[in-house]
Amino acid sequence: MKSLTLHAMDNQLADQIKRRANEMHISMNELAKRLLAEALGIKVPAKPPHRDDFACFCGTWSESDAGEFEERVADMQSVNAEEWQ
């Protein structure tokens, strides 16, 4: 992979890149790469979110599983004041 450093970027451009990156919840670096690719007519395949990287190891819960879990731990959400005196 190659790196590119931009020198003497004016504040207005830097602020706009930062604002848009924040709105899109991506880094300024990622936004810059997307904007350059778009300007050059290069279609870059979308990367899956990082949270999917380990899904095959972690598994997922169905709505039913999640509901059952919440029911079973519901009593852990309250504090018995007598036990803390």
PDB file of N, CA and C in Angstrom:
ATOM      1  N   MET A   1       0.831  -1.183   0.000  1.00  0.00           N
ATOM      2  CA  MET A   1       0.000   0.000   0.000  1.00  0.00           C
ATOM      3  C   MET A   1       0.874   1.245   0.000  1.00  0.00           C
ATOM      4  N   LYS A   2       0.451   2.214  -0.728  1.00  0.00           N
ATOM      5  CA  LYS A   2       1.154   3.491  -0.798  1.00  0.00           C
ATOM      6  C   LYS A   2       0.525   4.484   0.159  1.00  0.00           C
ATOM      7  N   SER A   3       1.284   5.468   0.589  1.00  0.00           N
ATOM      8  CA  SER A   3       0.785   6.537   1.443  1.00  0.00           C
ATOM      9  C   SER A   3       0.944   7.859   0.710  1.00  0.00           C
ATOM     10  N   LEU A   4       0.103   8.799   1.091  1.00  0.00           N
ATOM     11  CA  LEU A   4       0.136  10.128   0.484  1.00  0.00           C
ATOM     12  C   LEU A   4      -0.042  11.145   1.594  1.00  0.00           C
ATOM     13  N   THR A   5       0.800  12.155   1.614  1.00  0.00           N
ATOM     14  CA  THR A   5       0.683  13.230   2.593  1.00  0.00           C
ATOM     15  C   THR A   5       0.315  14.507   1.849  1.00  0.00           C
ATOM     16  N   LEU A   6      -0.685  15.207   2.332  1.00  0.00           N
ATOM     17  CA  LEU A   6      -1.094  16.470   1.723  1.00  0.00           C
ATOM     18  C   LEU A   6      -0.527  17.608   2.552  1.00  0.00           C
ATOM     19  N   HIS A   7       0.192  18.518   1.905  1.00  0.00           N
ATOM     20  CA  HIS A   7       0.804  19.645   2.589  1.00  0.00           C
ATOM     21  C   HIS A   7       0.002  20.910   2.320  1.00  0.00           C
ATOM     22  N   ALA A   8       0.046  21.822   3.268  1.00  0.00           N
ATOM     23  CA  ALA A   8      -0.530  23.165   3.127  1.00  0.00           C
ATOM     24  C   ALA A   8      -2.017  23.136   2.758  1.00  0.00           C
ATOM     25  N   MET A   9      -2.761  22.238   3.393  1.00  0.00           N
ATOM     26  CA  MET A   9      -4.206  22.189   3.160  1.00  0.00           C
ATOM     27  C   MET A   9      -4.846  23.342   3.925  1.00  0.00           C
ATOM     28  N   ASP A  10      -5.686  24.118   3.248  1.00  0.00           N
ATOM     29  CA  ASP A  10      -6.292  25.260   3.934  1.00  0.00           C
ATOM     30  C   ASP A  10      -7.333  24.781   4.950  1.00  0.00           C
ATOM     31  N   ASN A  11      -7.606  25.634   5.921  1.00  0.00           N
ATOM     32  CA  ASN A  11      -8.496  25.281   7.028  1.00  0.00           C
ATOM     33  C   ASN A  11      -9.901  24.931   6.563  1.00  0.00           C
ATOM     34  N   GLN A  12     -10.419  25.648   5.567  1.00  0.00           N
ATOM     35  CA  GLN A  12     -11.782  25.378   5.093  1.00  0.00           C
ATOM     36  C   GLN A  12     -11.896  23.957   4.542  1.00  0.00           C
ATOM     37  N   LEU A  13     -10.931  23.539   3.738  1.00  0.00           N
ATOM     38  CA  LEU A  13     -10.950  22.186   3.183  1.00  0.00           C
ATOM     39  C   LEU A  13     -10.805  21.146   4.285  1.00  0.00           C
ATOM     40  N   ALA A  14      -9.871  21.365   5.186  1.00  0.00           N
ATOM     41  CA  ALA A  14      -9.655  20.426   6.282  1.00  0.00           C
ATOM     42  C   ALA A  14     -10.903  20.310   7.154  1.00  0.00           C
ATOM     43  N   ASP A  15     -11.533  21.439   7.441  1.00  0.00           N
ATOM     44  CA  ASP A  15     -12.755  21.434   8.261  1.00  0.00           C
ATOM     45  C   ASP A  15     -13.894  20.680   7.570  1.00  0.00           C
ATOM     46  N   GLN A  16     -14.022  20.875   6.263  1.00  0.00           N
ATOM     47  CA  GLN A  16     -15.084  20.190   5.520  1.00  0.00           C
ATOM     48  C   GLN A  16     -14.844  18.680   5.488  1.00  0.00           C
ATOM     49  N   ILE A  17     -13.611  18.276   5.311  1.00  0.00           N
ATOM     50  CA  ILE A  17     -13.295  16.840   5.312  1.00  0.00           C
ATOM     51  C   ILE A  17     -13.590  16.253   6.689  1.00  0.00           C
ATOM     52  N   LYS A  18     -13.186  16.944   7.727  1.00  0.00           N
ATOM     53  CA  LYS A  18     -13.434  16.451   9.084  1.00  0.00           C
ATOM     54  C   LYS A  18     -14.929  16.372   9.372  1.00  0.00           C
ATOM     55  N   ARG A  19     -15.687  17.407   8.993  1.00  0.00           N
ATOM     56  CA  ARG A  19     -17.132  17.424   9.230  1.00  0.00           C
ATOM     57  C   ARG A  19     -17.823  16.271   8.519  1.00  0.00           C
ATOM     58  N   ARG A  20     -17.499  16.094   7.241  1.00  0.00           N
ATOM     59  CA  ARG A  20     -18.156  15.035   6.481  1.00  0.00           C
ATOM     60  C   ARG A  20     -17.759  13.656   6.993  1.00  0.00           C
ATOM     61  N   ALA A  21     -16.509  13.472   7.354  1.00  0.00           N
ATOM     62  CA  ALA A  21     -16.062  12.185   7.907  1.00  0.00           C
ATOM     63  C   ALA A  21     -16.809  11.879   9.197  1.00  0.00           C
ATOM     64  N   ASN A  22     -16.981  12.890  10.050  1.00  0.00           N
ATOM     65  CA  ASN A  22     -17.736  12.693  11.294  1.00  0.00           C
ATOM     66  C   ASN A  22     -19.182  12.334  11.009  1.00  0.00           C
ATOM     67  N   GLU A  23     -19.792  13.002  10.051  1.00  0.00           N
ATOM     68  CA  GLU A  23     -21.180  12.704   9.686  1.00  0.00           C
ATOM     69  C   GLU A  23     -21.330  11.264   9.195  1.00  0.00           C
ATOM     70  N   MET A  24     -20.323  10.778   8.479  1.00  0.00           N
ATOM     71  CA  MET A  24     -20.379   9.432   7.907  1.00  0.00           C
ATOM     72  C   MET A  24     -19.817   8.376   8.859  1.00  0.00           C
ATOM     73  N   HIS A  25     -19.307   8.811  10.014  1.00  0.00           N
ATOM     74  CA  HIS A  25     -18.717   7.901  11.008  1.00  0.00           C
ATOM     75  C   HIS A  25     -17.559   7.095  10.424  1.00  0.00           C
ATOM     76  N   ILE A  26     -16.717   7.803   9.660  1.00  0.00           N
ATOM     77  CA  ILE A  26     -15.518   7.184   9.111  1.00  0.00           C
ATOM     78  C   ILE A  26     -14.342   8.124   9.387  1.00  0.00           C
ATOM     79  N   SER A  27     -13.140   7.630   9.196  1.00  0.00           N
ATOM     80  CA  SER A  27     -11.961   8.460   9.417  1.00  0.00           C
ATOM     81  C   SER A  27     -11.797   9.445   8.258  1.00  0.00           C
ATOM     82  N   MET A  28     -11.028  10.489   8.528  1.00  0.00           N
ATOM     83  CA  MET A  28     -10.719  11.456   7.476  1.00  0.00           C
ATOM     84  C   MET A  28      -9.928  10.775   6.367  1.00  0.00           C
ATOM     85  N   ASN A  29      -9.062   9.849   6.729  1.00  0.00           N
ATOM     86  CA  ASN A  29      -8.287   9.104   5.746  1.00  0.00           C
ATOM     87  C   ASN A  29      -9.197   8.308   4.816  1.00  0.00           C
ATOM     88  N   GLU A  30     -10.174   7.621   5.405  1.00  0.00           N
ATOM     89  CA  GLU A  30     -11.109   6.823   4.597  1.00  0.00           C
ATOM     90  C   GLU A  30     -11.913   7.724   3.661  1.00  0.00           C
ATOM     91  N   LEU A  31     -12.373   8.856   4.166  1.00  0.00           N
ATOM     92  CA  LEU A  31     -13.131   9.779   3.326  1.00  0.00           C
ATOM     93  C   LEU A  31     -12.271  10.296   2.179  1.00  0.00           C
ATOM     94  N   ALA A  32     -11.029  10.678   2.462  1.00  0.00           N
ATOM     95  CA  ALA A  32     -10.139  11.178   1.415  1.00  0.00           C
ATOM     96  C   ALA A  32      -9.941  10.130   0.323  1.00  0.00           C
ATOM     97  N   LYS A  33      -9.755   8.867   0.721  1.00  0.00           N
ATOM     98  CA  LYS A  33      -9.592   7.800  -0.275  1.00  0.00           C
ATOM     99  C   LYS A  33     -10.846   7.633  -1.120  1.00  0.00           C
ATOM    100  N   ARG A  34     -12.016   7.707  -0.474  1.00  0.00           N
ATOM    101  CA  ARG A  34     -13.273   7.587  -1.218  1.00  0.00           C
ATOM    102  C   ARG A  34     -13.458   8.742  -2.195  1.00  0.00           C
ATOM    103  N   LEU A  35     -13.162   9.956  -1.741  1.00  0.00           N
ATOM    104  CA  LEU A  35     -13.318  11.125  -2.610  1.00  0.00           C
ATOM    105  C   LEU A  35     -12.358  11.065  -3.795  1.00  0.00           C
ATOM    106  N   LEU A  36     -11.119  10.663  -3.557  1.00  0.00           N
ATOM    107  CA  LEU A  36     -10.160  10.535  -4.654  1.00  0.00           C
ATOM    108  C   LEU A  36     -10.594   9.463  -5.646  1.00  0.00           C
ATOM    109  N   ALA A  37     -11.026   8.324  -5.153  1.00  0.00           N
ATOM    110  CA  ALA A  37     -11.472   7.249  -6.035  1.00  0.00           C
ATOM    111  C   ALA A  37     -12.668   7.700  -6.867  1.00  0.00           C
ATOM    112  N   GLU A  38     -13.616   8.381  -6.232  1.00  0.00           N
ATOM    113  CA  GLU A  38     -14.796   8.874  -6.939  1.00  0.00           C
ATOM    114  C   GLU A  38     -14.403   9.875  -8.023  1.00  0.00           C
ATOM    115  N   ALA A  39     -13.515  10.803  -7.688  1.00  0.00           N
ATOM    116  CA  ALA A  39     -13.075  11.819  -8.648  1.00  0.00           C
ATOM    117  C   ALA A  39     -12.360  11.195  -9.844  1.00  0.00           C
ATOM    118  N   LEU A  40     -11.681  10.072  -9.612  1.00  0.00           N
ATOM    119  CA  LEU A  40     -10.942   9.396 -10.677  1.00  0.00           C
ATOM    120  C   LEU A  40     -11.772   8.323 -11.386  1.00  0.00           C
ATOM    121  N   GLY A  41     -13.007   8.159 -10.960  1.00  0.00           N
ATOM    122  CA  GLY A  41     -13.883   7.174 -11.592  1.00  0.00           C
ATOM    123  C   GLY A  41     -13.535   5.740 -11.256  1.00  0.00           C
ATOM    124  N   ILE A  42     -12.947   5.539 -10.093  1.00  0.00           N
ATOM    125  CA  ILE A  42     -12.562   4.194  -9.659  1.00  0.00           C
ATOM    126  C   ILE A  42     -13.607   3.686  -8.682  1.00  0.00           C
ATOM    127  N   LYS A  43     -14.146   2.507  -8.971  1.00  0.00           N
ATOM    128  CA  LYS A  43     -15.118   1.916  -8.059  1.00  0.00           C
ATOM    129  C   LYS A  43     -14.373   1.037  -7.060  1.00  0.00           C
ATOM    130  N   VAL A  44     -14.446   1.430  -5.798  1.00  0.00           N
ATOM    131  CA  VAL A  44     -13.776   0.685  -4.733  1.00  0.00           C
ATOM    132  C   VAL A  44     -14.821  -0.160  -4.018  1.00  0.00           C
ATOM    133  N   PRO A  45     -14.589  -1.461  -3.906  1.00  0.00           N
ATOM    134  CA  PRO A  45     -15.573  -2.291  -3.206  1.00  0.00           C
ATOM    135  C   PRO A  45     -15.706  -1.881  -1.746  1.00  0.00           C
ATOM    136  N   ALA A  46     -16.930  -1.878  -1.264  1.00  0.00           N
ATOM    137  CA  ALA A  46     -17.193  -1.511   0.132  1.00  0.00           C
ATOM    138  C   ALA A  46     -16.645  -2.589   1.056  1.00  0.00           C
ATOM    139  N   LYS A  47     -16.022  -2.144   2.141  1.00  0.00           N
ATOM    140  CA  LYS A  47     -15.510  -3.084   3.138  1.00  0.00           C
ATOM    141  C   LYS A  47     -16.613  -3.356   4.151  1.00  0.00           C
ATOM    142  N   PRO A  48     -16.732  -4.600   4.589  1.00  0.00           N
ATOM    143  CA  PRO A  48     -17.718  -4.871   5.642  1.00  0.00           C
ATOM    144  C   PRO A  48     -17.281  -4.219   6.945  1.00  0.00           C
ATOM    145  N   PRO A  49     -18.233  -3.886   7.810  1.00  0.00           N
ATOM    146  CA  PRO A  49     -17.853  -3.307   9.096  1.00  0.00           C
ATOM    147  C   PRO A  49     -16.965  -4.275   9.886  1.00  0.00           C
ATOM    148  N   HIS A  50     -16.083  -3.719  10.718  1.00  0.00           N
ATOM    149  CA  HIS A  50     -15.176  -4.555  11.511  1.00  0.00           C
ATOM    150  C   HIS A  50     -15.921  -5.528  12.413  1.00  0.00           C
ATOM    151  N   ARG A  51     -17.110  -5.159  12.847  1.00  0.00           N
ATOM    152  CA  ARG A  51     -17.825  -6.043  13.772  1.00  0.00           C
ATOM    153  C   ARG A  51     -18.166  -7.383  13.137  1.00  0.00           C
ATOM    154  N   ASP A  52     -18.118  -7.462  11.810  1.00  0.00           N
ATOM    155  CA  ASP A  52     -18.386  -8.723  11.134  1.00  0.00           C
ATOM    156  C   ASP A  52     -17.153  -9.617  11.054  1.00  0.00           C
ATOM    157  N   ASP A  53     -15.979  -9.059  11.396  1.00  0.00           N
ATOM    158  CA  ASP A  53     -14.740  -9.810  11.245  1.00  0.00           C
ATOM    159  C   ASP A  53     -14.719 -11.112  12.040  1.00  0.00           C
ATOM    160  N   PHE A  54     -15.353 -11.128  13.207  1.00  0.00           N
ATOM    161  CA  PHE A  54     -15.283 -12.300  14.077  1.00  0.00           C
ATOM    162  C   PHE A  54     -16.640 -12.981  14.258  1.00  0.00           C
ATOM    163  N   ALA A  55     -17.594 -12.650  13.423  1.00  0.00           N
ATOM    164  CA  ALA A  55     -18.939 -13.197  13.571  1.00  0.00           C
ATOM    165  C   ALA A  55     -18.934 -14.728  13.532  1.00  0.00           C
ATOM    166  N   CYS A  56     -18.081 -15.310  12.702  1.00  0.00           N
ATOM    167  CA  CYS A  56     -18.057 -16.777  12.601  1.00  0.00           C
ATOM    168  C   CYS A  56     -17.568 -17.422  13.895  1.00  0.00           C
ATOM    169  N   PHE A  57     -16.828 -16.667  14.720  1.00  0.00           N
ATOM    170  CA  PHE A  57     -16.342 -17.193  15.991  1.00  0.00           C
ATOM    171  C   PHE A  57     -17.303 -16.915  17.135  1.00  0.00           C
ATOM    172  N   CYS A  58     -18.070 -15.853  17.018  1.00  0.00           N
ATOM    173  CA  CYS A  58     -18.899 -15.397  18.126  1.00  0.00           C
ATOM    174  C   CYS A  58     -20.350 -15.844  18.024  1.00  0.00           C
ATOM    175  N   GLY A  59     -20.818 -16.059  16.836  1.00  0.00           N
ATOM    176  CA  GLY A  59     -22.221 -16.423  16.668  1.00  0.00           C
ATOM    177  C   GLY A  59     -23.133 -15.225  16.865  1.00  0.00           C
ATOM    178  N   THR A  60     -24.404 -15.462  16.705  1.00  0.00           N
ATOM    179  CA  THR A  60     -25.389 -14.399  16.879  1.00  0.00           C
ATOM    180  C   THR A  60     -26.582 -14.950  17.632  1.00  0.00           C
ATOM    181  N   TRP A  61     -27.344 -14.043  18.207  1.00  0.00           N
ATOM    182  CA  TRP A  61     -28.551 -14.434  18.922  1.00  0.00           C
ATOM    183  C   TRP A  61     -29.767 -14.085  18.080  1.00  0.00           C
ATOM    184  N   SER A  62     -30.748 -14.956  18.151  1.00  0.00           N
ATOM    185  CA  SER A  62     -32.030 -14.633  17.523  1.00  0.00           C
ATOM    186  C   SER A  62     -32.772 -13.675  18.456  1.00  0.00           C
ATOM    187  N   GLU A  63     -33.838 -13.086  17.968  1.00  0.00           N
ATOM    188  CA  GLU A  63     -34.671 -12.214  18.812  1.00  0.00           C
ATOM    189  C   GLU A  63     -35.170 -12.997  20.022  1.00  0.00           C
ATOM    190  N   SER A  64     -35.529 -14.254  19.791  1.00  0.00           N
ATOM    191  CA  SER A  64     -36.026 -15.103  20.870  1.00  0.00           C
ATOM    192  C   SER A  64     -34.942 -15.344  21.925  1.00  0.00           C
ATOM    193  N   ASP A  65     -33.717 -15.666  21.465  1.00  0.00           N
ATOM    194  CA  ASP A  65     -32.604 -15.886  22.393  1.00  0.00           C
ATOM    195  C   ASP A  65     -32.321 -14.642  23.223  1.00  0.00           C
ATOM    196  N   ALA A  66     -32.291 -13.489  22.564  1.00  0.00           N
ATOM    197  CA  ALA A  66     -32.010 -12.239  23.262  1.00  0.00           C
ATOM    198  C   ALA A  66     -33.097 -11.944  24.294  1.00  0.00           C
ATOM    199  N   GLY A  67     -34.340 -12.167  23.922  1.00  0.00           N
ATOM    200  CA  GLY A  67     -35.448 -11.943  24.851  1.00  0.00           C
ATOM    201  C   GLY A  67     -35.365 -12.852  26.061  1.00  0.00           C
ATOM    202  N   GLU A  68     -35.048 -14.118  25.833  1.00  0.00           N
ATOM    203  CA  GLU A  68     -34.922 -15.073  26.932  1.00  0.00           C
ATOM    204  C   GLU A  68     -33.783 -14.665  27.867  1.00  0.00           C
ATOM    205  N   PHE A  69     -32.661 -14.237  27.302  1.00  0.00           N
ATOM    206  CA  PHE A  69     -31.538 -13.782  28.116  1.00  0.00           C
ATOM    207  C   PHE A  69     -31.941 -12.585  28.974  1.00  0.00           C
ATOM    208  N   GLU A  70     -32.602 -11.607  28.371  1.00  0.00           N
ATOM    209  CA  GLU A  70     -33.019 -10.409  29.110  1.00  0.00           C
ATOM    210  C   GLU A  70     -33.967 -10.775  30.250  1.00  0.00           C
ATOM    211  N   GLU A  71     -34.858 -11.719  30.015  1.00  0.00           N
ATOM    212  CA  GLU A  71     -35.775 -12.162  31.073  1.00  0.00           C
ATOM    213  C   GLU A  71     -35.006 -12.790  32.232  1.00  0.00           C
ATOM    214  N   ARG A  72     -34.016 -13.607  31.910  1.00  0.00           N
ATOM    215  CA  ARG A  72     -33.276 -14.326  32.946  1.00  0.00           C
ATOM    216  C   ARG A  72     -32.359 -13.431  33.774  1.00  0.00           C
ATOM    217  N   VAL A  73     -31.918 -12.317  33.214  1.00  0.00           N
ATOM    218  CA  VAL A  73     -31.027 -11.434  33.967  1.00  0.00           C
ATOM    219  C   VAL A  73     -31.738 -10.178  34.467  1.00  0.00           C
ATOM    220  N   ALA A  74     -33.041 -10.104  34.284  1.00  0.00           N
ATOM    221  CA  ALA A  74     -33.788  -8.910  34.682  1.00  0.00           C
ATOM    222  C   ALA A  74     -33.620  -8.593  36.163  1.00  0.00           C
ATOM    223  N   ASP A  75     -33.592  -9.616  37.016  1.00  0.00           N
ATOM    224  CA  ASP A  75     -33.456  -9.364  38.454  1.00  0.00           C
ATOM    225  C   ASP A  75     -32.080  -8.794  38.819  1.00  0.00           C
ATOM    226  N   MET A  76     -31.125  -8.888  37.924  1.00  0.00           N
ATOM    227  CA  MET A  76     -29.800  -8.326  38.168  1.00  0.00           C
ATOM    228  C   MET A  76     -29.761  -6.812  37.912  1.00  0.00           C
ATOM    229  N   GLN A  77     -30.827  -6.275  37.381  1.00  0.00           N
ATOM    230  CA  GLN A  77     -30.884  -4.853  37.080  1.00  0.00           C
ATOM    231  C   GLN A  77     -31.300  -4.005  38.274  1.00  0.00           C
ATOM    232  N   SER A  78     -31.727  -4.639  39.341  1.00  0.00           N
ATOM    233  CA  SER A  78     -32.151  -3.886  40.520  1.00  0.00           C
ATOM    234  C   SER A  78     -31.211  -4.170  41.681  1.00  0.00           C
ATOM    235  N   VAL A  79     -31.165  -3.233  42.612  1.00  0.00           N
ATOM    236  CA  VAL A  79     -30.303  -3.365  43.784  1.00  0.00           C
ATOM    237  C   VAL A  79     -31.183  -3.525  45.024  1.00  0.00           C
ATOM    238  N   ASN A  80     -30.872  -4.531  45.808  1.00  0.00           N
ATOM    239  CA  ASN A  80     -31.571  -4.730  47.077  1.00  0.00           C
ATOM    240  C   ASN A  80     -30.832  -3.894  48.103  1.00  0.00           C
ATOM    241  N   ALA A  81     -31.471  -2.807  48.539  1.00  0.00           N
ATOM    242  CA  ALA A  81     -30.834  -1.861  49.463  1.00  0.00           C
ATOM    243  C   ALA A  81     -30.409  -2.519  50.764  1.00  0.00           C
ATOM    244  N   GLU A  82     -31.158  -3.516  51.215  1.00  0.00           N
ATOM    245  CA  GLU A  82     -30.829  -4.183  52.497  1.00  0.00           C
ATOM    246  C   GLU A  82     -29.485  -4.910  52.401  1.00  0.00           C
ATOM    247  N   GLU A  83     -29.158  -5.421  51.234  1.00  0.00           N
ATOM    248  CA  GLU A  83     -27.889  -6.138  51.058  1.00  0.00           C
ATOM    249  C   GLU A  83     -26.690  -5.204  51.057  1.00  0.00           C
ATOM    250  N   TRP A  84     -26.920  -3.912  50.909  1.00  0.00           N
ATOM    251  CA  TRP A  84     -25.821  -2.954  50.787  1.00  0.00           C
ATOM    252  C   TRP A  84     -25.705  -2.064  52.032  1.00  0.00           C
ATOM    253  N   GLN A  85     -26.248  -2.486  53.134  1.00  0.00           N
ATOM    254  CA  GLN A  85     -26.152  -1.697  54.362  1.00  0.00           C
ATOM    255  C   GLN A  85     -25.230  -2.350  55.359  1.00  0.00           C
TER     256      GLN A  85
END
